[in-house]
Amino acid sequence: MAQFKAISDYFDQLVYAIGNYHYNWHPSIELLMVIRGRLTINIDGYQFQLAPHDLIPVNANQGHATLATAPATLAIRTQIDPRFYQEQGVQLSRGEFRLNCALVPRHPRYPQLRQAIAQLYLASSPFEKNSAAFAIASLLYEHFFVPTATDRLPRQQQSEQFTRVAREIQLHYREALSLGQLADEFGYSKSYFSKSFKQHFGIGFYEYLTRERLQHALSELNGSPAKISTVALNNGFTEIKSFNLAFKKHFGITPSAYQAKFSPQLKTVDVAFQQPLSPQQAAGAKRELQRLLAPAPAEAAVPVCDNCTFRQDGLRYHQLRAELQKLLDDKK
């Protein structure tokens, strides 16, 4: 008899304390919900302020970072392997999930989504876990998935060659790496290597290298009072101008502005970033998630219909406003 993978095996949840910025990106779809406190989330250079029970997705390969703006902030992230959708016959390659409580505070499906997240985390049986996992995936796709012209999903098959490429970048990101240099080293033409790199990782070589450098630079900014110029040179940027531009593109603020809002009090949280919670934190998070399982009235600010585009029009309007504001800020 064939063995089937449990639905919930494609889902990974973690409740963790939020500290200063930690930069990350991955091929999984991530749904973040604030449990307690408040935070700023930065996704591809756009910042949003989230309060308790606010939800926001991070699509595949989007660079993202969170920053606590209130003490003792906790969040739960639910990651979904894209293969779950693909193996169910759903094509995600030309679309993305758009859901943002910071821009659209009310939606009739938010309470159901919060309850499904809590149910998955608190489930005590495989049936409960699978039921909650399917509910999350179904709600996201049916109500918050929007077709796009951009393919964000990388290839899912393992490649020993590109695993070695990633390792090479991790070891030498401080050096003057180039696309042509790596192509020669791994026996590819430059054009073929560039195309294959993007197909495998979902982003281009220079974007990947910049993210790797920023990830380490951000860690250094969090851990020491070093000068910005020193941090830039320590992490592969040849000049402070290029570091400033890359930092602002990815985080929406300059390194000096980030240092100004950096909280030394959150350093203890950073040490245990995404590590197991203390017993007190875990108990508090569990109580809050249990409250979400109680029946809640539907949020009726948005009507329901099958043949109209209201569900995305409001969000698209606010996203366009955010993009325009970012363009204006970049020109200052």
Protein backbone atom coordinates (compact mmCIF):
# COMPACT_ATOMS: atom_id res chain seq x y z
CA MET A 1 0.00 0.00 0.00
CA ALA A 2 1.39 3.41 -0.97
CA GLN A 3 2.53 5.69 1.83
CA PHE A 4 1.30 9.28 1.61
CA LYS A 5 2.95 12.25 3.23
CA ALA A 6 0.75 13.87 5.90
CA ILE A 7 -0.57 17.28 4.93
CA SER A 8 0.88 18.88 8.05
CA ASP A 9 4.37 17.62 7.14
CA TYR A 10 4.51 20.42 4.57
CA PHE A 11 3.92 23.00 7.32
CA ASP A 12 6.36 24.28 9.90
CA GLN A 13 5.38 26.53 12.82
CA LEU A 14 7.45 28.42 15.34
CA VAL A 15 6.55 30.83 18.11
CA TYR A 16 9.49 33.13 18.87
CA ALA A 17 10.45 36.41 20.51
CA ILE A 18 11.11 39.37 18.22
CA GLY A 19 14.23 41.47 18.73
CA ASN A 20 16.19 43.69 16.34
CA TYR A 21 16.27 43.09 12.59
CA HIS A 22 17.35 39.64 11.36
CA TYR A 23 17.36 39.36 7.57
CA ASN A 24 16.12 36.20 5.89
CA TRP A 25 14.69 34.78 2.68
CA HIS A 26 13.63 31.28 1.65
CA PRO A 27 11.58 29.40 -0.98
CA SER A 28 8.78 28.63 1.51
CA ILE A 29 5.61 30.70 1.82
CA GLU A 30 5.46 32.25 5.29
CA LEU A 31 2.45 33.57 7.18
CA LEU A 32 3.33 35.73 10.19
CA MET A 33 0.93 36.59 13.02
CA VAL A 34 1.71 38.76 16.04
CA ILE A 35 0.75 37.09 19.32
CA ARG A 36 1.77 39.81 21.75
CA GLY A 37 3.37 43.24 21.51
CA ARG A 38 4.02 45.19 18.32
CA LEU A 39 6.54 44.95 15.52
CA THR A 40 7.75 46.47 12.30
CA ILE A 41 8.10 44.03 9.42
CA ASN A 42 10.18 44.92 6.41
CA ILE A 43 9.44 42.99 3.20
CA ASP A 44 11.52 43.82 0.12
CA GLY A 45 12.11 47.35 1.43
CA TYR A 46 8.52 48.14 2.45
CA GLN A 47 7.76 48.62 6.15
CA PHE A 48 4.50 47.77 7.90
CA GLN A 49 3.49 48.15 11.55
CA LEU A 50 1.72 45.12 13.05
CA ALA A 51 -0.28 44.86 16.28
CA PRO A 52 -1.53 41.77 18.17
CA HIS A 53 -3.29 39.25 15.90
CA ASP A 54 -2.26 41.09 12.73
CA LEU A 55 -1.39 38.84 9.80
CA ILE A 56 0.95 39.25 6.84
CA PRO A 57 2.40 36.77 4.30
CA VAL A 58 5.96 36.61 3.03
CA ASN A 59 6.02 35.15 -0.47
CA ALA A 60 8.75 32.87 -1.78
CA ASN A 61 12.17 34.55 -1.97
CA GLN A 62 11.05 37.87 -0.49
CA GLY A 63 13.74 39.33 1.74
CA HIS A 64 12.22 40.12 5.13
CA ALA A 65 13.12 41.20 8.66
CA THR A 66 11.20 42.01 11.84
CA LEU A 67 11.89 44.56 14.57
CA ALA A 68 10.12 44.68 17.94
CA THR A 69 8.56 48.06 18.75
CA ALA A 70 7.11 47.01 22.11
CA PRO A 71 8.61 44.96 24.97
CA ALA A 72 8.18 41.18 25.08
CA THR A 73 6.88 40.91 21.51
CA LEU A 74 6.03 37.38 20.37
CA ALA A 75 5.00 36.14 16.93
CA ILE A 76 4.12 32.85 15.29
CA ARG A 77 5.31 32.07 11.80
CA THR A 78 3.78 29.31 9.69
CA GLN A 79 5.86 28.20 6.72
CA ILE A 80 4.30 26.24 3.86
CA ASP A 81 6.40 24.22 1.45
CA PRO A 82 5.24 25.29 -2.08
CA ARG A 83 5.29 21.62 -3.05
CA PHE A 84 2.12 21.16 -0.99
CA TYR A 85 0.18 23.32 -3.45
CA GLN A 86 2.00 21.98 -6.48
CA GLU A 87 1.31 18.36 -5.57
CA GLN A 88 -2.39 19.23 -5.22
CA GLY A 89 -2.40 20.54 -8.79
CA VAL A 90 -2.26 24.23 -7.83
CA GLN A 91 0.14 26.40 -9.85
CA LEU A 92 1.84 29.04 -7.73
CA SER A 93 4.60 30.02 -10.12
CA ARG A 94 2.68 32.97 -11.58
CA GLY A 95 1.10 34.50 -8.53
CA GLU A 96 1.56 35.67 -4.96
CA PHE A 97 -0.34 35.90 -1.69
CA ARG A 98 -1.57 39.39 -0.77
CA LEU A 99 -2.87 39.82 2.74
CA ASN A 100 -1.90 42.70 4.98
CA CYS A 101 -3.65 43.66 8.20
CA ALA A 102 -1.60 46.87 8.34
CA LEU A 103 -3.23 48.06 5.09
CA VAL A 104 -6.59 46.26 5.20
CA PRO A 105 -7.43 45.84 8.91
CA ARG A 106 -10.65 43.90 8.40
CA HIS A 107 -11.61 40.95 6.23
CA PRO A 108 -14.29 38.29 6.79
CA ARG A 109 -11.67 35.49 6.53
CA TYR A 110 -9.17 36.85 9.06
CA PRO A 111 -10.84 35.20 12.11
CA GLN A 112 -10.89 31.80 10.38
CA LEU A 113 -7.25 32.12 9.40
CA ARG A 114 -6.21 33.06 12.95
CA GLN A 115 -8.15 30.12 14.36
CA ALA A 116 -6.58 27.69 11.87
CA ILE A 117 -3.09 28.92 12.80
CA ALA A 118 -3.85 28.42 16.49
CA GLN A 119 -5.42 25.02 15.86
CA LEU A 120 -2.38 23.78 13.95
CA TYR A 121 -0.06 24.87 16.76
CA LEU A 122 -2.20 23.42 19.56
CA ALA A 123 -3.43 20.27 17.78
CA SER A 124 -3.04 17.04 19.74
CA SER A 125 -3.80 14.54 16.96
CA PRO A 126 -2.72 14.02 13.32
CA PHE A 127 -6.31 14.60 12.19
CA GLU A 128 -6.46 18.00 13.92
CA LYS A 129 -3.08 18.98 12.49
CA ASN A 130 -4.00 17.97 8.94
CA SER A 131 -7.39 19.66 9.18
CA ALA A 132 -5.85 22.94 10.37
CA ALA A 133 -3.06 22.81 7.79
CA PHE A 134 -5.51 22.30 4.96
CA ALA A 135 -7.70 25.13 6.27
CA ILE A 136 -4.75 27.55 6.25
CA ALA A 137 -3.71 26.55 2.73
CA SER A 138 -7.27 26.70 1.42
CA LEU A 139 -8.08 30.10 2.96
CA LEU A 140 -4.87 31.62 1.65
CA TYR A 141 -5.31 30.34 -1.88
CA GLU A 142 -9.06 30.93 -2.27
CA HIS A 143 -9.16 34.43 -0.80
CA PHE A 144 -5.68 35.97 -0.97
CA PHE A 145 -3.87 34.56 -4.02
CA VAL A 146 -3.43 36.98 -6.92
CA PRO A 147 -1.96 36.10 -10.36
CA THR A 148 1.16 38.03 -11.35
CA ALA A 149 3.53 38.16 -14.31
CA THR A 150 6.59 37.32 -12.19
CA ASP A 151 7.79 33.81 -11.40
CA ARG A 152 8.98 33.86 -7.76
CA LEU A 153 9.34 30.13 -7.13
CA PRO A 154 12.73 28.47 -7.48
CA ARG A 155 13.17 24.92 -8.67
CA GLN A 156 12.53 22.45 -5.87
CA GLN A 157 14.84 19.61 -6.88
CA GLN A 158 18.13 19.24 -5.05
CA SER A 159 21.29 20.18 -6.95
CA GLU A 160 24.66 19.24 -5.51
CA GLN A 161 26.32 21.71 -7.86
CA PHE A 162 24.28 24.71 -6.69
CA THR A 163 24.56 23.62 -3.08
CA ARG A 164 28.30 24.03 -3.61
CA VAL A 165 27.72 27.41 -5.29
CA ALA A 166 25.75 28.63 -2.26
CA ARG A 167 28.50 27.38 0.05
CA GLU A 168 31.12 29.20 -2.02
CA ILE A 169 29.20 32.47 -1.68
CA GLN A 170 28.79 31.97 2.07
CA LEU A 171 32.54 31.45 2.45
CA HIS A 172 33.68 34.30 0.20
CA TYR A 173 30.95 36.97 0.34
CA ARG A 174 33.49 39.47 1.74
CA GLU A 175 35.60 39.15 -1.41
CA ALA A 176 35.11 40.62 -4.90
CA LEU A 177 33.03 37.73 -6.23
CA SER A 178 31.70 37.98 -9.76
CA LEU A 179 29.25 36.01 -11.86
CA GLY A 180 31.92 35.23 -14.45
CA GLN A 181 34.36 34.05 -11.79
CA LEU A 182 31.92 31.53 -10.33
CA ALA A 183 30.76 30.41 -13.78
CA ASP A 184 34.37 29.57 -14.72
CA GLU A 185 34.97 27.84 -11.39
CA PHE A 186 31.97 25.53 -11.84
CA GLY A 187 32.44 24.94 -15.55
CA TYR A 188 29.55 26.98 -17.02
CA SER A 189 29.32 29.72 -19.58
CA LYS A 190 28.45 33.06 -17.96
CA SER A 191 25.02 33.32 -19.63
CA TYR A 192 24.03 29.72 -18.82
CA PHE A 193 25.23 30.05 -15.22
CA SER A 194 23.24 33.28 -14.75
CA LYS A 195 20.04 31.69 -16.06
CA SER A 196 20.51 28.45 -14.11
CA PHE A 197 21.32 30.34 -10.90
CA LYS A 198 18.07 32.30 -11.05
CA GLN A 199 16.06 29.19 -11.90
CA HIS A 200 17.52 27.34 -8.92
CA PHE A 201 17.45 30.09 -6.27
CA GLY A 202 14.58 32.21 -7.55
CA ILE A 203 16.71 35.38 -7.55
CA GLY A 204 19.72 36.49 -9.57
CA PHE A 205 23.36 36.06 -8.56
CA TYR A 206 24.04 39.69 -7.61
CA GLU A 207 20.83 39.95 -5.61
CA TYR A 208 21.76 36.75 -3.77
CA LEU A 209 25.28 38.02 -3.07
CA THR A 210 23.96 41.39 -1.86
CA ARG A 211 21.49 39.68 0.48
CA GLU A 212 24.25 37.48 1.88
CA ARG A 213 26.39 40.54 2.57
CA LEU A 214 23.49 42.46 4.12
CA GLN A 215 22.59 39.52 6.34
CA HIS A 216 26.06 39.54 7.88
CA ALA A 217 26.30 43.34 7.96
CA LEU A 218 23.02 43.54 9.85
CA SER A 219 24.25 40.99 12.36
CA GLU A 220 27.37 43.08 12.89
CA LEU A 221 25.34 46.27 13.36
CA ASN A 222 23.24 44.46 15.96
CA GLY A 223 26.20 43.10 17.83
CA SER A 224 28.68 45.97 17.99
CA PRO A 225 28.92 49.79 17.93
CA ALA A 226 31.17 49.65 14.85
CA LYS A 227 31.18 52.52 12.39
CA ILE A 228 28.97 52.09 9.34
CA SER A 229 31.97 52.40 7.01
CA THR A 230 33.75 49.61 8.91
CA VAL A 231 30.68 47.35 8.74
CA ALA A 232 30.37 47.98 5.00
CA LEU A 233 34.00 47.12 4.25
CA ASN A 234 33.94 44.10 6.58
CA ASN A 235 31.09 42.57 4.62
CA GLY A 236 32.08 42.90 1.00
CA PHE A 237 30.88 46.40 0.10
CA THR A 238 33.61 48.38 -1.60
CA GLU A 239 32.30 51.77 -0.48
CA ILE A 240 29.85 53.17 2.03
CA LYS A 241 27.62 54.62 -0.74
CA SER A 242 26.87 51.19 -2.22
CA PHE A 243 26.18 49.84 1.29
CA ASN A 244 23.78 52.70 2.05
CA LEU A 245 21.93 52.19 -1.22
CA ALA A 246 21.61 48.43 -0.77
CA PHE A 247 20.56 48.78 2.88
CA LYS A 248 17.86 51.33 2.06
CA LYS A 249 16.60 49.29 -0.89
CA HIS A 250 16.15 46.18 1.24
CA PHE A 251 15.14 47.70 4.60
CA GLY A 252 13.54 51.00 3.64
CA ILE A 253 15.90 53.03 5.84
CA THR A 254 19.60 53.92 5.86
CA PRO A 255 22.09 52.15 8.15
CA SER A 256 22.42 55.30 10.27
CA ALA A 257 18.63 55.54 10.66
CA TYR A 258 18.56 51.89 11.71
CA GLN A 259 21.29 52.49 14.27
CA ALA A 260 19.25 55.38 15.66
CA LYS A 261 16.25 53.14 16.30
CA PHE A 262 18.30 50.08 17.32
CA SER A 263 17.38 48.88 20.80
CA PRO A 264 20.24 47.64 23.04
CA GLN A 265 17.56 46.16 25.31
CA LEU A 266 16.69 43.68 22.57
CA LYS A 267 20.21 42.24 22.39
CA THR A 268 19.28 39.50 24.86
CA VAL A 269 16.37 38.56 22.59
CA ASP A 270 18.69 38.48 19.57
CA VAL A 271 20.96 35.93 21.25
CA ALA A 272 18.05 33.47 21.42
CA PHE A 273 16.48 34.44 18.07
CA GLN A 274 14.09 31.69 16.92
CA GLN A 275 15.21 29.48 19.81
CA PRO A 276 12.81 27.75 22.26
CA LEU A 277 10.86 30.17 24.46
CA SER A 278 11.19 30.37 28.21
CA PRO A 279 8.47 28.43 30.12
CA GLN A 280 6.76 31.75 30.96
CA GLN A 281 6.81 32.93 27.33
CA ALA A 282 5.55 29.58 26.07
CA ALA A 283 2.68 29.50 28.58
CA GLY A 284 1.65 33.07 27.67
CA ALA A 285 1.74 32.31 23.93
CA LYS A 286 -0.32 29.15 24.44
CA ARG A 287 -2.98 31.04 26.41
CA GLU A 288 -3.26 33.69 23.70
CA LEU A 289 -3.57 31.09 20.94
CA GLN A 290 -6.20 29.20 22.94
CA ARG A 291 -8.26 32.41 23.10
CA LEU A 292 -8.24 32.55 19.31
CA LEU A 293 -9.93 29.15 19.15
CA ALA A 294 -13.06 30.56 20.77
CA PRO A 295 -15.82 31.34 18.25
CA ALA A 296 -15.42 34.89 16.94
CA PRO A 297 -17.89 37.04 15.03
CA ALA A 298 -17.07 37.46 11.37
CA GLU A 299 -15.40 40.73 10.43
CA ALA A 300 -18.02 42.22 8.17
CA ALA A 301 -16.24 45.31 6.87
CA VAL A 302 -15.92 43.66 3.44
CA PRO A 303 -18.88 41.98 1.66
CA VAL A 304 -18.56 38.56 0.07
CA CYS A 305 -19.17 37.86 -3.60
CA ASP A 306 -17.87 35.39 -6.14
CA ASN A 307 -17.55 37.49 -9.29
CA CYS A 308 -16.03 40.78 -8.20
CA THR A 309 -12.54 42.00 -7.41
CA PHE A 310 -13.26 43.85 -4.17
CA ARG A 311 -11.07 41.50 -2.17
CA GLN A 312 -7.87 42.82 -3.74
CA ASP A 313 -8.79 46.33 -4.86
CA GLY A 314 -8.34 47.92 -1.45
CA LEU A 315 -5.05 46.15 -0.82
CA ARG A 316 -3.75 47.00 -4.29
CA TYR A 317 -4.63 50.67 -3.76
CA HIS A 318 -2.74 50.82 -0.47
CA GLN A 319 0.25 48.94 -1.95
CA LEU A 320 0.44 51.43 -4.82
CA ARG A 321 0.38 54.27 -2.28
CA ALA A 322 3.20 52.60 -0.35
CA GLU A 323 5.25 52.18 -3.53
CA LEU A 324 4.70 55.82 -4.49
CA GLN A 325 5.73 56.97 -1.02
CA LYS A 326 8.88 54.85 -1.22
CA LEU A 327 9.79 56.42 -4.58
CA LEU A 328 9.32 59.88 -3.10
CA ASP A 329 11.41 58.98 -0.05
CA ASP A 330 14.23 57.65 -2.27
CA LYS A 331 14.44 61.00 -4.03
CA LYS A 332 14.90 62.97 -0.82
